[in-house]
C-alpha atoms as a PDB file:
ATOM      1  CA  UNK A   1      -2.730 -35.046 -19.702  1.00  0.00           C
ATOM      2  CA  UNK A   2      -5.986 -35.505 -17.540  1.00  0.00           C
ATOM      3  CA  UNK A   3      -7.756 -32.134 -17.425  1.00  0.00           C
ATOM      4  CA  UNK A   4     -10.507 -31.728 -14.724  1.00  0.00           C
ATOM      5  CA  UNK A   5     -12.905 -28.905 -14.208  1.00  0.00           C
ATOM      6  CA  UNK A   6     -12.545 -27.871 -10.381  1.00  0.00           C
ATOM      7  CA  UNK A   7     -13.652 -25.339  -8.203  1.00  0.00           C
ATOM      8  CA  UNK A   8     -10.689 -23.162  -7.118  1.00  0.00           C
ATOM      9  CA  UNK A   9     -11.851 -22.508  -3.874  1.00  0.00           C
ATOM     10  CA  UNK A  10     -12.737 -25.610  -2.719  1.00  0.00           C
ATOM     11  CA  UNK A  11      -9.354 -26.590  -1.009  1.00  0.00           C
ATOM     12  CA  UNK A  12      -8.376 -29.126   1.171  1.00  0.00           C
ATOM     13  CA  UNK A  13      -5.157 -27.636   2.460  1.00  0.00           C
ATOM     14  CA  UNK A  14      -2.744 -24.610   1.469  1.00  0.00           C
ATOM     15  CA  UNK A  15      -2.440 -25.516  -2.448  1.00  0.00           C
ATOM     16  CA  UNK A  16      -4.360 -28.590  -2.544  1.00  0.00           C
ATOM     17  CA  UNK A  17      -7.602 -28.261  -4.694  1.00  0.00           C
ATOM     18  CA  UNK A  18     -10.250 -30.774  -4.036  1.00  0.00           C
ATOM     19  CA  UNK A  19     -10.908 -32.934  -7.544  1.00  0.00           C
ATOM     20  CA  UNK A  20     -14.122 -34.301  -8.356  1.00  0.00           C
ATOM     21  CA  UNK A  21     -14.426 -37.013 -10.794  1.00  0.00           C
ATOM     22  CA  UNK A  22     -17.919 -37.292 -10.434  1.00  0.00           C
ATOM     23  CA  UNK A  23     -19.003 -34.041 -11.561  1.00  0.00           C
ATOM     24  CA  UNK A  24     -20.360 -33.995 -14.994  1.00  0.00           C
ATOM     25  CA  UNK A  25     -17.573 -31.910 -16.862  1.00  0.00           C
ATOM     26  CA  UNK A  26     -15.313 -34.659 -15.387  1.00  0.00           C
ATOM     27  CA  UNK A  27     -17.243 -37.771 -16.225  1.00  0.00           C
ATOM     28  CA  UNK A  28     -15.322 -38.933 -19.227  1.00  0.00           C
ATOM     29  CA  UNK A  29     -12.531 -39.531 -16.709  1.00  0.00           C
ATOM     30  CA  UNK A  30     -12.245 -43.094 -15.743  1.00  0.00           C
ATOM     31  CA  UNK A  31     -11.775 -43.090 -11.981  1.00  0.00           C
ATOM     32  CA  UNK A  32      -9.456 -46.024 -12.571  1.00  0.00           C
ATOM     33  CA  UNK A  33      -7.003 -43.671 -14.519  1.00  0.00           C
ATOM     34  CA  UNK A  34      -6.133 -41.502 -11.357  1.00  0.00           C
ATOM     35  CA  UNK A  35      -2.890 -42.632  -9.564  1.00  0.00           C
ATOM     36  CA  UNK A  36      -0.819 -40.359  -6.870  1.00  0.00           C
ATOM     37  CA  UNK A  37       1.379 -38.223  -8.453  1.00  0.00           C
ATOM     38  CA  UNK A  38      -0.022 -38.308 -11.765  1.00  0.00           C
ATOM     39  CA  UNK A  39       0.302 -34.548 -13.675  1.00  0.00           C
ATOM     40  CA  UNK A  40      -2.947 -32.989 -14.212  1.00  0.00           C
ATOM     41  CA  UNK A  41      -4.635 -29.948 -15.638  1.00  0.00           C
ATOM     42  CA  UNK A  42      -7.270 -28.303 -13.676  1.00  0.00           C
ATOM     43  CA  UNK A  43      -9.263 -25.471 -15.005  1.00  0.00           C
ATOM     44  CA  UNK A  44     -12.715 -23.373 -14.319  1.00  0.00           C
ATOM     45  CA  UNK A  45     -14.168 -20.365 -16.318  1.00  0.00           C
ATOM     46  CA  UNK A  46     -11.173 -17.935 -15.642  1.00  0.00           C
ATOM     47  CA  UNK A  47      -8.045 -19.893 -14.486  1.00  0.00           C
ATOM     48  CA  UNK A  48      -5.926 -22.963 -15.455  1.00  0.00           C
ATOM     49  CA  UNK A  49      -3.192 -24.371 -13.492  1.00  0.00           C
ATOM     50  CA  UNK A  50      -1.190 -27.891 -13.990  1.00  0.00           C
ATOM     51  CA  UNK A  51      -1.164 -29.771 -10.697  1.00  0.00           C
ATOM     52  CA  UNK A  52      -0.098 -33.381  -9.083  1.00  0.00           C
ATOM     53  CA  UNK A  53      -2.626 -35.402  -7.997  1.00  0.00           C
ATOM     54  CA  UNK A  54      -2.774 -36.884  -4.054  1.00  0.00           C
ATOM     55  CA  UNK A  55      -4.904 -38.539  -1.731  1.00  0.00           C
ATOM     56  CA  UNK A  56      -6.940 -36.426   0.200  1.00  0.00           C
ATOM     57  CA  UNK A  57      -8.000 -35.629   3.691  1.00  0.00           C
ATOM     58  CA  UNK A  58     -11.495 -34.803   3.272  1.00  0.00           C
ATOM     59  CA  UNK A  59     -11.925 -35.132  -0.796  1.00  0.00           C
ATOM     60  CA  UNK A  60     -10.611 -38.553  -2.164  1.00  0.00           C
ATOM     61  CA  UNK A  61      -8.508 -37.025  -4.794  1.00  0.00           C
ATOM     62  CA  UNK A  62      -6.903 -33.580  -4.721  1.00  0.00           C
ATOM     63  CA  UNK A  63      -4.333 -31.768  -6.916  1.00  0.00           C
ATOM     64  CA  UNK A  64      -1.549 -29.871  -5.336  1.00  0.00           C
ATOM     65  CA  UNK A  65      -0.948 -26.393  -7.570  1.00  0.00           C
ATOM     66  CA  UNK A  66       1.947 -25.719  -9.888  1.00  0.00           C
ATOM     67  CA  UNK A  67       2.240 -22.007  -9.403  1.00  0.00           C
ATOM     68  CA  UNK A  68       4.168 -21.257 -12.059  1.00  0.00           C
ATOM     69  CA  UNK A  69       1.982 -22.508 -14.197  1.00  0.00           C
ATOM     70  CA  UNK A  70      -0.998 -20.787 -13.370  1.00  0.00           C
ATOM     71  CA  UNK A  71      -2.908 -18.987 -16.418  1.00  0.00           C
ATOM     72  CA  UNK A  72      -5.465 -16.245 -16.504  1.00  0.00           C
ATOM     73  CA  UNK A  73      -8.425 -17.214 -19.401  1.00  0.00           C
ATOM     74  CA  UNK A  74      -9.383 -14.092 -21.226  1.00  0.00           C
ATOM     75  CA  UNK A  75     -12.498 -13.011 -20.233  1.00  0.00           C
ATOM     76  CA  UNK A  76     -13.992 -12.946 -23.913  1.00  0.00           C
ATOM     77  CA  UNK A  77     -13.316 -17.207 -23.294  1.00  0.00           C
ATOM     78  CA  UNK A  78     -14.603 -17.468 -19.842  1.00  0.00           C
ATOM     79  CA  UNK A  79     -18.706 -18.761 -21.521  1.00  0.00           C
ATOM     80  CA  UNK A  80     -16.702 -21.533 -23.473  1.00  0.00           C
ATOM     81  CA  UNK A  81     -18.004 -24.039 -20.910  1.00  0.00           C
ATOM     82  CA  UNK A  82     -21.402 -22.916 -21.370  1.00  0.00           C
ATOM     83  CA  UNK A  83     -21.603 -25.051 -23.946  1.00  0.00           C
ATOM     84  CA  UNK A  84     -20.900 -28.266 -21.907  1.00  0.00           C
ATOM     85  CA  UNK A  85     -24.146 -27.799 -19.725  1.00  0.00           C
END
């Protein structure tokens, strides 16, 4: 399953999170592997969630959240992305 670092506040519409393949933390993802209806994992420092890829209105790609898979990351793990900087 592809994993994308996202900003959960950057929405295209309700429950549609903008997915940016051009971010450094997403650099290993080949854009040619992105297809509509692909199930992906979205994450940030404190949250992760499964979602379905779609073409966006404003962003090239968005992902529709599967709210049933939302999971808070424990606060003691929030720095896990610091080594990726």
